[in-house]
Amino acid sequence: MDALTMCGGGFARNAVDEAAAAYGLTPRERDVLALLLQGRDGMAIHRLLGISYNTVKTHLKHIYGKCGVASRQQLVSLVHGDSGLLSA
């Protein structure tokens, strides 16, 4: 069961899948991204995925690096297409 299904899946799965494919995210990074975009913080992500908080922080660092962003807000804007990077 993936992170979107686990948490009710109200978020647009296509946006997460598109971002994961476009930026080469691993399946676990994709799960972390999905939960982050649902407004979950690092502690909630760690509890929901059953991984350590430090592992969540590492995944976030990798996601930010792969996506070329420096903040959660930049990441949200990127995935939602506010920057036009994923809008085609």
C-alpha atoms as a PDB file:
ATOM      1  CA  MET A   1       0.000   0.000   0.000  1.00  0.00           C
ATOM      2  CA  ASP A   2       1.498   3.342  -0.983  1.00  0.00           C
ATOM      3  CA  ALA A   3       1.490   6.593   0.980  1.00  0.00           C
ATOM      4  CA  LEU A   4      -1.401   8.095  -0.971  1.00  0.00           C
ATOM      5  CA  THR A   5      -3.641   5.092  -0.417  1.00  0.00           C
ATOM      6  CA  MET A   6      -2.586   4.851   3.228  1.00  0.00           C
ATOM      7  CA  CYS A   7      -3.667   8.425   3.967  1.00  0.00           C
ATOM      8  CA  GLY A   8      -6.935   8.597   2.083  1.00  0.00           C
ATOM      9  CA  GLY A   9      -5.559   9.561  -1.325  1.00  0.00           C
ATOM     10  CA  GLY A  10      -7.324  12.926  -1.634  1.00  0.00           C
ATOM     11  CA  PHE A  11      -4.181  14.377  -3.184  1.00  0.00           C
ATOM     12  CA  ALA A  12      -3.653  14.213  -6.942  1.00  0.00           C
ATOM     13  CA  ARG A  13      -1.704  11.007  -7.499  1.00  0.00           C
ATOM     14  CA  ASN A  14      -0.734  12.136 -10.998  1.00  0.00           C
ATOM     15  CA  ALA A  15       1.182  15.157  -9.701  1.00  0.00           C
ATOM     16  CA  VAL A  16       3.244  12.985  -7.357  1.00  0.00           C
ATOM     17  CA  ASP A  17       3.872  10.330 -10.015  1.00  0.00           C
ATOM     18  CA  GLU A  18       4.791  12.972 -12.594  1.00  0.00           C
ATOM     19  CA  ALA A  19       7.243  14.655 -10.227  1.00  0.00           C
ATOM     20  CA  ALA A  20       8.756  11.306  -9.223  1.00  0.00           C
ATOM     21  CA  ALA A  21       9.306  10.359 -12.872  1.00  0.00           C
ATOM     22  CA  ALA A  22      10.552  13.798 -13.923  1.00  0.00           C
ATOM     23  CA  TYR A  23      13.127  14.051 -11.139  1.00  0.00           C
ATOM     24  CA  GLY A  24      14.141  10.407 -10.751  1.00  0.00           C
ATOM     25  CA  LEU A  25      12.759   9.895  -7.248  1.00  0.00           C
ATOM     26  CA  THR A  26      12.953   6.459  -5.680  1.00  0.00           C
ATOM     27  CA  PRO A  27       9.703   4.740  -4.641  1.00  0.00           C
ATOM     28  CA  ARG A  28      10.345   5.686  -0.993  1.00  0.00           C
ATOM     29  CA  GLU A  29      11.161   9.287  -1.902  1.00  0.00           C
ATOM     30  CA  ARG A  30       7.878   9.306  -3.823  1.00  0.00           C
ATOM     31  CA  ASP A  31       6.045   8.149  -0.675  1.00  0.00           C
ATOM     32  CA  VAL A  32       7.709  10.869   1.405  1.00  0.00           C
ATOM     33  CA  LEU A  33       6.847  13.469  -1.249  1.00  0.00           C
ATOM     34  CA  ALA A  34       3.202  12.363  -1.316  1.00  0.00           C
ATOM     35  CA  LEU A  35       2.875  12.733   2.453  1.00  0.00           C
ATOM     36  CA  LEU A  36       4.745  16.036   2.472  1.00  0.00           C
ATOM     37  CA  LEU A  37       2.364  17.411  -0.155  1.00  0.00           C
ATOM     38  CA  GLN A  38      -0.558  16.346   2.031  1.00  0.00           C
ATOM     39  CA  GLY A  39       0.806  18.687   4.699  1.00  0.00           C
ATOM     40  CA  ARG A  40       2.430  16.039   6.899  1.00  0.00           C
ATOM     41  CA  ASP A  41       5.506  17.032   8.864  1.00  0.00           C
ATOM     42  CA  GLY A  42       8.616  14.924   9.282  1.00  0.00           C
ATOM     43  CA  MET A  43       7.435  13.301  12.518  1.00  0.00           C
ATOM     44  CA  ALA A  44       4.109  12.280  10.965  1.00  0.00           C
ATOM     45  CA  ILE A  45       5.888  10.876   7.897  1.00  0.00           C
ATOM     46  CA  HIS A  46       8.233   8.869  10.127  1.00  0.00           C
ATOM     47  CA  ARG A  47       5.293   7.375  12.032  1.00  0.00           C
ATOM     48  CA  LEU A  48       3.184   6.650   8.941  1.00  0.00           C
ATOM     49  CA  LEU A  49       5.990   5.004   6.975  1.00  0.00           C
ATOM     50  CA  GLY A  50       7.609   3.253   9.932  1.00  0.00           C
ATOM     51  CA  ILE A  51      11.044   4.734   9.251  1.00  0.00           C
ATOM     52  CA  SER A  52      13.270   6.800  11.509  1.00  0.00           C
ATOM     53  CA  TYR A  53      12.944  10.566  11.607  1.00  0.00           C
ATOM     54  CA  ASN A  54      16.561  10.860  10.446  1.00  0.00           C
ATOM     55  CA  THR A  55      15.729   8.706   7.423  1.00  0.00           C
ATOM     56  CA  VAL A  56      12.828  11.041   6.614  1.00  0.00           C
ATOM     57  CA  LYS A  57      15.221  14.007   6.786  1.00  0.00           C
ATOM     58  CA  THR A  58      17.635  12.204   4.460  1.00  0.00           C
ATOM     59  CA  HIS A  59      14.856  11.462   1.969  1.00  0.00           C
ATOM     60  CA  LEU A  60      13.760  15.107   2.074  1.00  0.00           C
ATOM     61  CA  LYS A  61      17.331  16.257   1.456  1.00  0.00           C
ATOM     62  CA  HIS A  62      17.550  13.952  -1.569  1.00  0.00           C
ATOM     63  CA  ILE A  63      14.142  15.074  -2.882  1.00  0.00           C
ATOM     64  CA  TYR A  64      15.086  18.759  -2.558  1.00  0.00           C
ATOM     65  CA  GLY A  65      18.398  18.126  -4.313  1.00  0.00           C
ATOM     66  CA  LYS A  66      16.905  16.141  -7.176  1.00  0.00           C
ATOM     67  CA  CYS A  67      14.160  18.730  -7.677  1.00  0.00           C
ATOM     68  CA  GLY A  68      16.534  21.672  -7.356  1.00  0.00           C
ATOM     69  CA  VAL A  69      14.623  23.398  -4.572  1.00  0.00           C
ATOM     70  CA  ALA A  70      15.645  24.703  -1.162  1.00  0.00           C
ATOM     71  CA  SER A  71      12.354  24.722   0.734  1.00  0.00           C
ATOM     72  CA  ARG A  72       9.076  22.908   1.206  1.00  0.00           C
ATOM     73  CA  GLN A  73       7.203  25.836  -0.369  1.00  0.00           C
ATOM     74  CA  GLN A  74       9.374  25.710  -3.488  1.00  0.00           C
ATOM     75  CA  LEU A  75       8.763  21.974  -3.733  1.00  0.00           C
ATOM     76  CA  VAL A  76       4.992  22.374  -3.370  1.00  0.00           C
ATOM     77  CA  SER A  77       4.993  25.116  -6.018  1.00  0.00           C
ATOM     78  CA  LEU A  78       7.077  22.963  -8.344  1.00  0.00           C
ATOM     79  CA  VAL A  79       4.847  19.909  -8.056  1.00  0.00           C
ATOM     80  CA  HIS A  80       1.628  21.878  -8.291  1.00  0.00           C
ATOM     81  CA  GLY A  81       2.957  23.534 -11.435  1.00  0.00           C
ATOM     82  CA  ASP A  82       3.033  27.084 -10.046  1.00  0.00           C
ATOM     83  CA  SER A  83       6.513  27.469 -11.514  1.00  0.00           C
ATOM     84  CA  GLY A  84       5.500  25.994 -14.840  1.00  0.00           C
ATOM     85  CA  LEU A  85       8.215  23.330 -14.604  1.00  0.00           C
ATOM     86  CA  LEU A  86       5.830  20.376 -14.644  1.00  0.00           C
ATOM     87  CA  SER A  87       3.004  22.048 -16.566  1.00  0.00           C
ATOM     88  CA  ALA A  88       2.959  21.045 -20.191  1.00  0.00           C
END
